[in-house]
């Protein structure tokens, strides 16, 4: 699955290093940390669509992540899966 994701967003945009995964395992809430399987950094809407298709085929959950500020545990990947970090999508396409 990692190779498929790398083909979609590029090798540099798929992370599975334990230190990076640990950073995505918790937020500012009191919820118990849970490790994701990987973090993907899309830059385009089309990449998100393709990542969702791959995850759906493999039955792997996706947790969207943007600012990193969450106080309710909503971004903790309690079932593992892929963290979809959209912080690289930082330009306005249309107003």
Protein backbone atom coordinates (compact mmCIF):
# COMPACT_ATOMS: atom_id res chain seq x y z
CA UNK A 1 0.00 0.00 0.00
CA UNK A 2 2.90 2.37 0.75
CA UNK A 3 4.13 2.08 -2.84
CA UNK A 4 0.66 2.89 -4.19
CA UNK A 5 0.48 5.97 -1.97
CA UNK A 6 3.98 7.06 -3.02
CA UNK A 7 2.93 6.75 -6.67
CA UNK A 8 0.04 9.12 -5.94
CA UNK A 9 1.70 11.84 -3.84
CA UNK A 10 5.42 11.17 -4.26
CA UNK A 11 7.86 9.26 -2.09
CA UNK A 12 8.75 12.34 -0.04
CA UNK A 13 5.07 12.82 0.91
CA UNK A 14 4.50 9.42 2.57
CA UNK A 15 5.96 8.99 6.05
CA UNK A 16 6.09 5.92 8.28
CA UNK A 17 9.04 6.78 10.51
CA UNK A 18 8.16 5.89 14.15
CA UNK A 19 9.01 9.38 15.42
CA UNK A 20 6.71 11.02 12.88
CA UNK A 21 3.94 8.51 13.61
CA UNK A 22 4.28 9.19 17.33
CA UNK A 23 3.77 12.92 16.70
CA UNK A 24 0.45 12.11 14.98
CA UNK A 25 -0.70 9.69 17.69
CA UNK A 26 -2.01 12.32 20.12
CA UNK A 27 -3.49 15.79 20.37
CA UNK A 28 -4.16 18.29 23.16
CA UNK A 29 -6.99 16.18 24.62
CA UNK A 30 -6.75 13.63 27.39
CA UNK A 31 -7.49 10.76 24.99
CA UNK A 32 -5.09 7.82 24.88
CA UNK A 33 -2.58 8.11 22.00
CA UNK A 34 -2.93 5.64 19.10
CA UNK A 35 -0.36 5.15 16.34
CA UNK A 36 -1.32 5.57 12.69
CA UNK A 37 0.17 3.29 10.04
CA UNK A 38 1.40 6.22 8.01
CA UNK A 39 1.07 9.91 7.21
CA UNK A 40 0.33 11.19 3.71
CA UNK A 41 0.82 14.82 2.63
CA UNK A 42 -1.29 15.53 -0.49
CA UNK A 43 -0.87 18.79 -2.41
CA UNK A 44 -3.89 18.53 -4.74
CA UNK A 45 -7.53 17.53 -4.47
CA UNK A 46 -6.97 14.80 -7.07
CA UNK A 47 -4.33 13.23 -4.81
CA UNK A 48 -6.78 13.12 -1.92
CA UNK A 49 -9.32 11.41 -4.16
CA UNK A 50 -6.79 8.76 -5.20
CA UNK A 51 -5.59 8.18 -1.62
CA UNK A 52 -9.20 7.67 -0.52
CA UNK A 53 -9.72 5.12 -3.31
CA UNK A 54 -6.64 3.12 -2.27
CA UNK A 55 -7.59 3.22 1.42
CA UNK A 56 -11.14 2.16 0.57
CA UNK A 57 -9.90 -0.79 -1.51
CA UNK A 58 -7.68 -1.93 1.37
CA UNK A 59 -10.31 -1.14 4.04
CA UNK A 60 -7.89 1.20 5.84
CA UNK A 61 -9.33 4.13 7.81
CA UNK A 62 -8.32 7.72 7.01
CA UNK A 63 -8.12 10.51 9.58
CA UNK A 64 -8.01 14.04 8.11
CA UNK A 65 -5.53 16.39 9.75
CA UNK A 66 -5.02 20.09 9.09
CA UNK A 67 -3.93 22.50 11.82
CA UNK A 68 -2.84 20.08 14.55
CA UNK A 69 -4.94 21.93 17.13
CA UNK A 70 -7.57 19.59 18.48
CA UNK A 71 -8.87 19.40 22.02
CA UNK A 72 -11.36 16.52 21.69
CA UNK A 73 -9.38 13.56 20.35
CA UNK A 74 -10.94 13.85 16.88
CA UNK A 75 -7.59 13.50 15.11
CA UNK A 76 -6.34 10.52 17.11
CA UNK A 77 -6.27 7.49 14.79
CA UNK A 78 -8.02 5.16 17.24
CA UNK A 79 -8.24 2.40 14.59
CA UNK A 80 -4.81 3.03 13.07
CA UNK A 81 -4.89 3.85 9.39
CA UNK A 82 -3.64 6.79 7.41
CA UNK A 83 -3.32 10.35 8.66
CA UNK A 84 -4.15 12.63 5.74
CA UNK A 85 -2.22 15.82 6.59
CA UNK A 86 -3.50 18.61 4.37
CA UNK A 87 -1.08 21.27 5.63
CA UNK A 88 0.72 21.31 2.24
CA UNK A 89 -2.50 22.43 0.57
CA UNK A 90 -1.85 26.05 1.38
CA UNK A 91 -2.93 28.06 -1.63
CA UNK A 92 -6.27 29.51 -2.69
CA UNK A 93 -7.38 28.10 -6.05
CA UNK A 94 -10.63 30.00 -6.46
CA UNK A 95 -12.66 32.60 -4.59
